[in-house]
Amino acid sequence: MTVKRIKNVIPALMSLLLLTVSLSGCLKDDLDDCGTTHTLTVRPYDHAGEPLSRKDVAEVVLYVFDSELCSVEKIDTHVGQTVTINAPKGKSLHIVGWGNLGGGRENCTGYEPGRHKDYYQVSLLPLTRAMAYSLSPDDLFRGEITLDGNDESNTTIELPIYRETGSLTITVRGLTAFAGFADHNYSIQVRETPSVIDFYGDLSGDKVAYQPTSSFTIGAAREEYYTPPFNMLPEEQGIHIDIYHGTELVTTISQDNTGQPIAI
């Protein structure tokens, strides 16, 4: 009985030895076949370079491109979370990270393996079927980084993402006296900004306007017609604010109180 047990153990030991050799082959025998593992974490920053937190960026999505900028992977993550990305040995990867892209107020090109970075973009959604007016976008963040295929550092790489939208608040004082209508049948339109931002951060698309919700403040020491903060894509050349009573244009404002264009 003892001899029989020894004979049965030998094949098992040989199988274990073969399995061990197979698993360790990439580490010892053929380094050219091994990939490079990158460890990445995403950090958001405001326009002034001050760090922000997960409170400001609810979710993050990473688009991974190869050295030819063709997409190979899409990863959902969060601010501060560690992400591991595997790359072929010696091959670089390009990562584009977006924050707050899942809020439903814009449309992003669908992920497709092999699709070039040039074809990806984020487009504002129309407020109605008339494309002239757009929904105010979410508080979007974007950043990109290229990972060296030969870098085998064990340190975690930071991908910084920065705010891509601007925010506008409007306060109009003495509106009823200026317009000559005592009722509150007023509205504001803000025009115009680009409607598309691509994965390089470049702006394009048809120009769109916004119809933010505005109201007269209650209990204020003096009359104020107030528009809470709302987001827009940037427009450095300046925007125009149209104030309407019903369908009648009361006035258009294109400069701030210092005489400068209202740039977003």
C-alpha atoms as a PDB file:
ATOM      1  CA  MET A   1       0.000   0.000   0.000  1.00  0.00           C
ATOM      2  CA  THR A   2       2.832   2.351   0.778  1.00  0.00           C
ATOM      3  CA  VAL A   3       4.489   1.799  -2.627  1.00  0.00           C
ATOM      4  CA  LYS A   4       1.229   2.432  -4.437  1.00  0.00           C
ATOM      5  CA  ARG A   5       0.754   5.801  -2.753  1.00  0.00           C
ATOM      6  CA  ILE A   6       4.251   6.949  -3.718  1.00  0.00           C
ATOM      7  CA  LYS A   7       3.630   6.092  -7.370  1.00  0.00           C
ATOM      8  CA  ASN A   8       0.380   8.096  -7.389  1.00  0.00           C
ATOM      9  CA  VAL A   9       2.055  11.162  -5.923  1.00  0.00           C
ATOM     10  CA  ILE A  10       4.800  11.392  -8.554  1.00  0.00           C
ATOM     11  CA  PRO A  11       2.486  12.332 -11.512  1.00  0.00           C
ATOM     12  CA  ALA A  12       0.805  14.935  -9.325  1.00  0.00           C
ATOM     13  CA  LEU A  13       4.153  16.510  -8.453  1.00  0.00           C
ATOM     14  CA  MET A  14       5.129  16.561 -12.142  1.00  0.00           C
ATOM     15  CA  SER A  15       1.865  18.326 -13.033  1.00  0.00           C
ATOM     16  CA  LEU A  16       2.437  20.919 -10.330  1.00  0.00           C
ATOM     17  CA  LEU A  17       5.982  21.477 -11.583  1.00  0.00           C
ATOM     18  CA  LEU A  18       4.760  21.943 -15.149  1.00  0.00           C
ATOM     19  CA  LEU A  19       2.076  24.382 -14.000  1.00  0.00           C
ATOM     20  CA  THR A  20       4.642  26.408 -12.059  1.00  0.00           C
ATOM     21  CA  VAL A  21       6.929  26.606 -15.079  1.00  0.00           C
ATOM     22  CA  SER A  22       4.036  27.680 -17.281  1.00  0.00           C
ATOM     23  CA  LEU A  23       2.945  30.484 -14.956  1.00  0.00           C
ATOM     24  CA  SER A  24       6.465  31.811 -14.447  1.00  0.00           C
ATOM     25  CA  GLY A  25       7.538  31.597 -18.082  1.00  0.00           C
ATOM     26  CA  CYS A  26       6.611  35.219 -18.859  1.00  0.00           C
ATOM     27  CA  LEU A  27       8.638  36.405 -15.896  1.00  0.00           C
ATOM     28  CA  LYS A  28      11.837  34.497 -16.603  1.00  0.00           C
ATOM     29  CA  ASP A  29      11.988  32.986 -20.078  1.00  0.00           C
ATOM     30  CA  ASP A  30      10.640  35.530 -22.573  1.00  0.00           C
ATOM     31  CA  LEU A  31      10.492  39.129 -21.373  1.00  0.00           C
ATOM     32  CA  ASP A  32       9.559  40.360 -24.855  1.00  0.00           C
ATOM     33  CA  ASP A  33       6.107  38.775 -24.441  1.00  0.00           C
ATOM     34  CA  CYS A  34       5.362  40.460 -21.112  1.00  0.00           C
ATOM     35  CA  GLY A  35       3.217  43.584 -20.917  1.00  0.00           C
ATOM     36  CA  THR A  36       3.655  46.751 -18.887  1.00  0.00           C
ATOM     37  CA  THR A  37       1.278  47.489 -16.033  1.00  0.00           C
ATOM     38  CA  HIS A  38       0.444  51.149 -15.332  1.00  0.00           C
ATOM     39  CA  THR A  39      -1.240  52.313 -12.138  1.00  0.00           C
ATOM     40  CA  LEU A  40      -3.285  55.468 -12.567  1.00  0.00           C
ATOM     41  CA  THR A  41      -5.418  57.764 -10.435  1.00  0.00           C
ATOM     42  CA  VAL A  42      -7.504  60.784 -11.485  1.00  0.00           C
ATOM     43  CA  ARG A  43      -7.396  64.179  -9.723  1.00  0.00           C
ATOM     44  CA  PRO A  44      -9.649  67.159 -10.607  1.00  0.00           C
ATOM     45  CA  TYR A  45      -8.543  70.802 -10.524  1.00  0.00           C
ATOM     46  CA  ASP A  46     -10.351  74.105 -10.967  1.00  0.00           C
ATOM     47  CA  HIS A  47      -9.356  76.937 -13.336  1.00  0.00           C
ATOM     48  CA  ALA A  48      -6.885  78.311 -10.793  1.00  0.00           C
ATOM     49  CA  GLY A  49      -5.182  74.938 -10.347  1.00  0.00           C
ATOM     50  CA  GLU A  50      -6.696  74.284  -6.929  1.00  0.00           C
ATOM     51  CA  PRO A  51      -7.443  70.604  -6.232  1.00  0.00           C
ATOM     52  CA  LEU A  52     -11.064  69.486  -6.022  1.00  0.00           C
ATOM     53  CA  SER A  53     -12.701  66.361  -4.614  1.00  0.00           C
ATOM     54  CA  ARG A  54     -15.222  63.644  -5.451  1.00  0.00           C
ATOM     55  CA  LYS A  55     -17.881  66.088  -4.245  1.00  0.00           C
ATOM     56  CA  ASP A  56     -17.173  68.171  -7.376  1.00  0.00           C
ATOM     57  CA  VAL A  57     -16.687  65.271  -9.793  1.00  0.00           C
ATOM     58  CA  ALA A  58     -19.225  62.514  -9.260  1.00  0.00           C
ATOM     59  CA  GLU A  59     -17.847  60.021 -11.773  1.00  0.00           C
ATOM     60  CA  VAL A  60     -14.975  59.589 -14.199  1.00  0.00           C
ATOM     61  CA  VAL A  61     -14.661  57.637 -17.447  1.00  0.00           C
ATOM     62  CA  LEU A  62     -11.302  56.839 -19.031  1.00  0.00           C
ATOM     63  CA  TYR A  63     -10.900  56.286 -22.750  1.00  0.00           C
ATOM     64  CA  VAL A  64      -7.738  54.303 -23.496  1.00  0.00           C
ATOM     65  CA  PHE A  65      -6.081  54.688 -26.920  1.00  0.00           C
ATOM     66  CA  ASP A  66      -3.083  52.906 -28.388  1.00  0.00           C
ATOM     67  CA  SER A  67      -0.019  54.609 -29.865  1.00  0.00           C
ATOM     68  CA  GLU A  68      -1.970  55.225 -33.090  1.00  0.00           C
ATOM     69  CA  LEU A  69      -4.789  56.896 -31.081  1.00  0.00           C
ATOM     70  CA  CYS A  70      -7.230  54.070 -31.780  1.00  0.00           C
ATOM     71  CA  SER A  71      -9.448  53.179 -28.829  1.00  0.00           C
ATOM     72  CA  VAL A  72      -8.771  49.921 -27.008  1.00  0.00           C
ATOM     73  CA  GLU A  73     -10.637  50.211 -23.706  1.00  0.00           C
ATOM     74  CA  LYS A  74     -13.163  52.250 -21.726  1.00  0.00           C
ATOM     75  CA  ILE A  75     -12.957  52.284 -17.926  1.00  0.00           C
ATOM     76  CA  ASP A  76     -15.445  53.689 -15.399  1.00  0.00           C
ATOM     77  CA  THR A  77     -13.839  54.942 -12.209  1.00  0.00           C
ATOM     78  CA  HIS A  78     -13.964  57.661  -9.522  1.00  0.00           C
ATOM     79  CA  VAL A  79     -11.736  60.466  -8.311  1.00  0.00           C
ATOM     80  CA  GLY A  80      -8.888  59.078  -6.212  1.00  0.00           C
ATOM     81  CA  GLN A  81      -9.573  55.473  -7.144  1.00  0.00           C
ATOM     82  CA  THR A  82      -6.582  53.437  -8.336  1.00  0.00           C
ATOM     83  CA  VAL A  83      -6.901  51.998 -11.840  1.00  0.00           C
ATOM     84  CA  THR A  84      -4.601  49.368 -13.353  1.00  0.00           C
ATOM     85  CA  ILE A  85      -4.061  49.488 -17.110  1.00  0.00           C
ATOM     86  CA  ASN A  86      -2.106  46.853 -19.007  1.00  0.00           C
ATOM     87  CA  ALA A  87      -0.166  47.721 -22.152  1.00  0.00           C
ATOM     88  CA  PRO A  88       1.824  45.590 -24.605  1.00  0.00           C
ATOM     89  CA  LYS A  89       5.543  45.609 -23.846  1.00  0.00           C
ATOM     90  CA  GLY A  90       7.169  48.748 -25.271  1.00  0.00           C
ATOM     91  CA  LYS A  91       3.880  50.194 -26.545  1.00  0.00           C
ATOM     92  CA  SER A  92       2.651  53.580 -25.325  1.00  0.00           C
ATOM     93  CA  LEU A  93      -0.943  54.303 -24.349  1.00  0.00           C
ATOM     94  CA  HIS A  94      -2.881  57.578 -24.521  1.00  0.00           C
ATOM     95  CA  ILE A  95      -5.585  58.189 -21.905  1.00  0.00           C
ATOM     96  CA  VAL A  96      -8.385  60.772 -22.070  1.00  0.00           C
ATOM     97  CA  GLY A  97     -10.336  61.208 -18.856  1.00  0.00           C
ATOM     98  CA  TRP A  98     -13.739  62.868 -18.539  1.00  0.00           C
ATOM     99  CA  GLY A  99     -15.479  63.875 -15.337  1.00  0.00           C
ATOM    100  CA  ASN A 100     -19.252  64.318 -14.869  1.00  0.00           C
ATOM    101  CA  LEU A 101     -19.946  63.041 -18.372  1.00  0.00           C
ATOM    102  CA  GLY A 102     -22.811  60.836 -17.210  1.00  0.00           C
ATOM    103  CA  GLY A 103     -25.164  63.585 -16.063  1.00  0.00           C
ATOM    104  CA  GLY A 104     -27.397  63.240 -19.116  1.00  0.00           C
ATOM    105  CA  ARG A 105     -27.180  66.850 -20.318  1.00  0.00           C
ATOM    106  CA  GLU A 106     -24.826  66.154 -23.209  1.00  0.00           C
ATOM    107  CA  ASN A 107     -24.126  63.372 -25.673  1.00  0.00           C
ATOM    108  CA  CYS A 108     -20.770  61.624 -26.129  1.00  0.00           C
ATOM    109  CA  THR A 109     -19.722  59.577 -29.128  1.00  0.00           C
ATOM    110  CA  GLY A 110     -20.245  55.906 -28.312  1.00  0.00           C
ATOM    111  CA  TYR A 111     -17.201  53.820 -27.487  1.00  0.00           C
ATOM    112  CA  GLU A 112     -16.098  51.448 -30.230  1.00  0.00           C
ATOM    113  CA  PRO A 113     -12.854  49.426 -30.251  1.00  0.00           C
ATOM    114  CA  GLY A 114     -10.516  50.725 -32.939  1.00  0.00           C
ATOM    115  CA  ARG A 115     -12.298  54.069 -33.334  1.00  0.00           C
ATOM    116  CA  HIS A 116      -9.799  56.927 -33.705  1.00  0.00           C
ATOM    117  CA  LYS A 117      -9.637  59.709 -31.154  1.00  0.00           C
ATOM    118  CA  ASP A 118     -10.498  62.222 -33.888  1.00  0.00           C
ATOM    119  CA  TYR A 119     -14.046  60.834 -34.089  1.00  0.00           C
ATOM    120  CA  TYR A 120     -14.877  61.234 -30.389  1.00  0.00           C
ATOM    121  CA  GLN A 121     -16.680  64.362 -29.235  1.00  0.00           C
ATOM    122  CA  VAL A 122     -19.146  65.650 -26.652  1.00  0.00           C
ATOM    123  CA  SER A 123     -22.180  67.502 -28.025  1.00  0.00           C
ATOM    124  CA  LEU A 124     -24.677  69.648 -26.164  1.00  0.00           C
ATOM    125  CA  LEU A 125     -28.255  68.382 -26.202  1.00  0.00           C
ATOM    126  CA  PRO A 126     -31.017  70.632 -27.588  1.00  0.00           C
ATOM    127  CA  LEU A 127     -33.429  72.193 -25.103  1.00  0.00           C
ATOM    128  CA  THR A 128     -36.256  71.406 -27.501  1.00  0.00           C
ATOM    129  CA  ARG A 129     -36.433  70.004 -31.017  1.00  0.00           C
ATOM    130  CA  ALA A 130     -35.200  73.394 -32.201  1.00  0.00           C
ATOM    131  CA  MET A 131     -31.412  73.081 -31.997  1.00  0.00           C
ATOM    132  CA  ALA A 132     -31.001  76.841 -31.583  1.00  0.00           C
ATOM    133  CA  TYR A 133     -31.364  76.450 -27.804  1.00  0.00           C
ATOM    134  CA  SER A 134     -29.281  74.053 -25.767  1.00  0.00           C
ATOM    135  CA  LEU A 135     -29.491  72.423 -22.377  1.00  0.00           C
ATOM    136  CA  SER A 136     -26.966  73.790 -19.941  1.00  0.00           C
ATOM    137  CA  PRO A 137     -24.207  71.143 -19.813  1.00  0.00           C
ATOM    138  CA  ASP A 138     -23.021  69.335 -16.733  1.00  0.00           C
ATOM    139  CA  ASP A 139     -19.920  70.600 -14.943  1.00  0.00           C
ATOM    140  CA  LEU A 140     -17.533  68.829 -17.315  1.00  0.00           C
ATOM    141  CA  PHE A 141     -13.893  68.035 -16.622  1.00  0.00           C
ATOM    142  CA  ARG A 142     -11.322  66.694 -19.098  1.00  0.00           C
ATOM    143  CA  GLY A 143      -7.657  65.721 -19.113  1.00  0.00           C
ATOM    144  CA  GLU A 144      -5.252  63.538 -21.052  1.00  0.00           C
ATOM    145  CA  ILE A 145      -1.922  61.815 -20.582  1.00  0.00           C
ATOM    146  CA  THR A 146       0.402  59.563 -22.586  1.00  0.00           C
ATOM    147  CA  LEU A 147       1.961  56.590 -20.791  1.00  0.00           C
ATOM    148  CA  ASP A 148       5.433  55.544 -21.935  1.00  0.00           C
ATOM    149  CA  GLY A 149       5.465  51.902 -22.956  1.00  0.00           C
ATOM    150  CA  ASN A 150       8.975  51.430 -21.534  1.00  0.00           C
ATOM    151  CA  ASP A 151       8.207  52.972 -18.137  1.00  0.00           C
ATOM    152  CA  GLU A 152       7.980  50.208 -15.550  1.00  0.00           C
ATOM    153  CA  SER A 153       7.892  52.487 -12.514  1.00  0.00           C
ATOM    154  CA  ASN A 154       5.914  51.206  -9.544  1.00  0.00           C
ATOM    155  CA  THR A 155       4.666  54.700  -8.668  1.00  0.00           C
ATOM    156  CA  THR A 156       1.047  55.693  -9.257  1.00  0.00           C
ATOM    157  CA  ILE A 157       0.648  58.139 -12.143  1.00  0.00           C
ATOM    158  CA  GLU A 158      -1.726  61.070 -11.711  1.00  0.00           C
ATOM    159  CA  LEU A 159      -4.076  62.055 -14.510  1.00  0.00           C
ATOM    160  CA  PRO A 160      -5.184  65.667 -13.859  1.00  0.00           C
ATOM    161  CA  ILE A 161      -8.552  66.724 -15.243  1.00  0.00           C
ATOM    162  CA  TYR A 162      -9.654  70.353 -15.503  1.00  0.00           C
ATOM    163  CA  ARG A 163     -13.011  72.099 -15.780  1.00  0.00           C
ATOM    164  CA  GLU A 164     -14.104  72.553 -19.400  1.00  0.00           C
ATOM    165  CA  THR A 165     -17.272  74.586 -18.791  1.00  0.00           C
ATOM    166  CA  GLY A 166     -17.847  78.127 -17.650  1.00  0.00           C
ATOM    167  CA  SER A 167     -20.566  79.311 -15.280  1.00  0.00           C
ATOM    168  CA  LEU A 168     -22.684  82.463 -15.497  1.00  0.00           C
ATOM    169  CA  THR A 169     -24.917  84.198 -12.952  1.00  0.00           C
ATOM    170  CA  ILE A 170     -27.077  87.164 -13.949  1.00  0.00           C
ATOM    171  CA  THR A 171     -28.534  89.823 -11.653  1.00  0.00           C
ATOM    172  CA  VAL A 172     -30.601  92.684 -13.153  1.00  0.00           C
ATOM    173  CA  ARG A 173     -31.641  95.557 -10.902  1.00  0.00           C
ATOM    174  CA  GLY A 174     -34.490  97.984 -11.614  1.00  0.00           C
ATOM    175  CA  LEU A 175     -35.781  95.966 -14.547  1.00  0.00           C
ATOM    176  CA  THR A 176     -39.491  96.825 -14.293  1.00  0.00           C
ATOM    177  CA  ALA A 177     -38.776 100.551 -14.002  1.00  0.00           C
ATOM    178  CA  PHE A 178     -36.417 100.391 -16.985  1.00  0.00           C
ATOM    179  CA  ALA A 179     -38.727  98.292 -19.176  1.00  0.00           C
ATOM    180  CA  GLY A 180     -41.943 100.032 -18.126  1.00  0.00           C
ATOM    181  CA  PHE A 181     -43.897  96.842 -17.379  1.00  0.00           C
ATOM    182  CA  ALA A 182     -44.847  96.196 -13.761  1.00  0.00           C
ATOM    183  CA  ASP A 183     -45.701  92.508 -14.211  1.00  0.00           C
ATOM    184  CA  HIS A 184     -43.157  89.711 -14.020  1.00  0.00           C
ATOM    185  CA  ASN A 185     -43.504  88.386 -17.575  1.00  0.00           C
ATOM    186  CA  TYR A 186     -39.791  88.572 -18.296  1.00  0.00           C
ATOM    187  CA  SER A 187     -37.263  86.081 -19.609  1.00  0.00           C
ATOM    188  CA  ILE A 188     -33.581  85.926 -20.489  1.00  0.00           C
ATOM    189  CA  GLN A 189     -31.754  84.377 -23.433  1.00  0.00           C
ATOM    190  CA  VAL A 190     -27.984  84.010 -23.558  1.00  0.00           C
ATOM    191  CA  ARG A 191     -26.193  83.594 -26.885  1.00  0.00           C
ATOM    192  CA  GLU A 192     -24.015  82.158 -28.366  1.00  0.00           C
ATOM    193  CA  THR A 193     -21.440  79.493 -27.595  1.00  0.00           C
ATOM    194  CA  PRO A 194     -20.041  76.465 -29.437  1.00  0.00           C
ATOM    195  CA  SER A 195     -22.060  73.261 -29.094  1.00  0.00           C
ATOM    196  CA  VAL A 196     -19.287  70.657 -29.400  1.00  0.00           C
ATOM    197  CA  ILE A 197     -16.054  69.893 -27.550  1.00  0.00           C
ATOM    198  CA  ASP A 198     -13.824  67.109 -28.834  1.00  0.00           C
ATOM    199  CA  PHE A 199     -11.406  64.797 -27.004  1.00  0.00           C
ATOM    200  CA  TYR A 200      -8.571  67.271 -27.635  1.00  0.00           C
ATOM    201  CA  GLY A 201     -10.494  70.039 -25.863  1.00  0.00           C
ATOM    202  CA  ASP A 202     -11.164  71.960 -29.084  1.00  0.00           C
ATOM    203  CA  LEU A 203     -14.537  73.688 -29.530  1.00  0.00           C
ATOM    204  CA  SER A 204     -16.662  73.583 -32.671  1.00  0.00           C
ATOM    205  CA  GLY A 205     -20.201  72.899 -33.882  1.00  0.00           C
ATOM    206  CA  ASP A 206     -23.172  75.157 -34.486  1.00  0.00           C
ATOM    207  CA  LYS A 207     -23.513  78.118 -32.161  1.00  0.00           C
ATOM    208  CA  VAL A 208     -26.299  77.717 -29.601  1.00  0.00           C
ATOM    209  CA  ALA A 209     -28.168  79.898 -27.131  1.00  0.00           C
ATOM    210  CA  TYR A 210     -29.524  79.173 -23.647  1.00  0.00           C
ATOM    211  CA  GLN A 211     -32.802  79.956 -21.896  1.00  0.00           C
ATOM    212  CA  PRO A 212     -31.927  79.832 -18.191  1.00  0.00           C
ATOM    213  CA  THR A 213     -34.628  79.968 -15.539  1.00  0.00           C
ATOM    214  CA  SER A 214     -34.868  83.449 -13.995  1.00  0.00           C
ATOM    215  CA  SER A 215     -37.140  85.068 -11.423  1.00  0.00           C
ATOM    216  CA  PHE A 216     -37.612  88.146  -9.292  1.00  0.00           C
ATOM    217  CA  THR A 217     -36.155  87.741  -5.821  1.00  0.00           C
ATOM    218  CA  ILE A 218     -38.590  87.854  -2.936  1.00  0.00           C
ATOM    219  CA  GLY A 219     -37.910  90.024   0.090  1.00  0.00           C
ATOM    220  CA  ALA A 220     -34.883  91.736  -1.410  1.00  0.00           C
ATOM    221  CA  ALA A 221     -34.094  95.258  -0.265  1.00  0.00           C
ATOM    222  CA  ARG A 222     -34.322  96.346  -3.893  1.00  0.00           C
ATOM    223  CA  GLU A 223     -35.808  94.728  -6.965  1.00  0.00           C
ATOM    224  CA  GLU A 224     -33.588  92.097  -8.553  1.00  0.00           C
ATOM    225  CA  TYR A 225     -34.227  89.789 -11.476  1.00  0.00           C
ATOM    226  CA  TYR A 226     -31.969  86.832 -10.800  1.00  0.00           C
ATOM    227  CA  THR A 227     -30.608  83.919 -12.846  1.00  0.00           C
ATOM    228  CA  PRO A 228     -28.871  81.215 -10.757  1.00  0.00           C
ATOM    229  CA  PRO A 229     -25.513  79.856 -11.968  1.00  0.00           C
ATOM    230  CA  PHE A 230     -25.703  77.730 -15.104  1.00  0.00           C
ATOM    231  CA  ASN A 231     -23.006  76.099 -17.208  1.00  0.00           C
ATOM    232  CA  MET A 232     -22.017  76.822 -20.793  1.00  0.00           C
ATOM    233  CA  LEU A 233     -19.191  75.842 -23.077  1.00  0.00           C
ATOM    234  CA  PRO A 234     -16.547  78.598 -23.192  1.00  0.00           C
ATOM    235  CA  GLU A 235     -16.840  81.591 -25.490  1.00  0.00           C
ATOM    236  CA  GLU A 236     -13.899  83.935 -25.057  1.00  0.00           C
ATOM    237  CA  GLN A 237     -15.058  86.400 -27.728  1.00  0.00           C
ATOM    238  CA  GLY A 238     -18.024  87.374 -25.599  1.00  0.00           C
ATOM    239  CA  ILE A 239     -21.702  86.536 -25.321  1.00  0.00           C
ATOM    240  CA  HIS A 240     -24.955  88.510 -25.565  1.00  0.00           C
ATOM    241  CA  ILE A 241     -27.707  88.569 -22.941  1.00  0.00           C
ATOM    242  CA  ASP A 242     -31.165  89.357 -24.335  1.00  0.00           C
ATOM    243  CA  ILE A 243     -33.877  90.429 -21.893  1.00  0.00           C
ATOM    244  CA  TYR A 244     -37.469  89.977 -23.048  1.00  0.00           C
ATOM    245  CA  HIS A 245     -40.852  91.075 -21.801  1.00  0.00           C
ATOM    246  CA  GLY A 246     -43.170  88.497 -23.299  1.00  0.00           C
ATOM    247  CA  THR A 247     -41.960  88.266 -26.885  1.00  0.00           C
ATOM    248  CA  GLU A 248     -40.668  91.860 -26.995  1.00  0.00           C
ATOM    249  CA  LEU A 249     -36.934  92.434 -26.738  1.00  0.00           C
ATOM    250  CA  VAL A 250     -36.296  94.975 -23.962  1.00  0.00           C
ATOM    251  CA  THR A 251     -32.522  95.248 -24.225  1.00  0.00           C
ATOM    252  CA  THR A 252     -29.346  93.353 -25.097  1.00  0.00           C
ATOM    253  CA  ILE A 253     -26.302  93.376 -22.848  1.00  0.00           C
ATOM    254  CA  SER A 254     -22.881  92.405 -24.194  1.00  0.00           C
ATOM    255  CA  GLN A 255     -20.548  94.093 -21.705  1.00  0.00           C
ATOM    256  CA  ASP A 256     -20.015  93.781 -17.969  1.00  0.00           C
ATOM    257  CA  ASN A 257     -20.074  96.723 -15.588  1.00  0.00           C
ATOM    258  CA  THR A 258     -16.439  97.523 -16.482  1.00  0.00           C
ATOM    259  CA  GLY A 259     -17.186  97.790 -20.196  1.00  0.00           C
ATOM    260  CA  GLN A 260     -15.514  94.510 -21.103  1.00  0.00           C
ATOM    261  CA  PRO A 261     -17.111  91.752 -23.225  1.00  0.00           C
ATOM    262  CA  ILE A 262     -18.828  89.088 -21.154  1.00  0.00           C
ATOM    263  CA  ALA A 263     -16.436  86.199 -21.781  1.00  0.00           C
ATOM    264  CA  ILE A 264     -17.137  82.690 -20.558  1.00  0.00           C
END
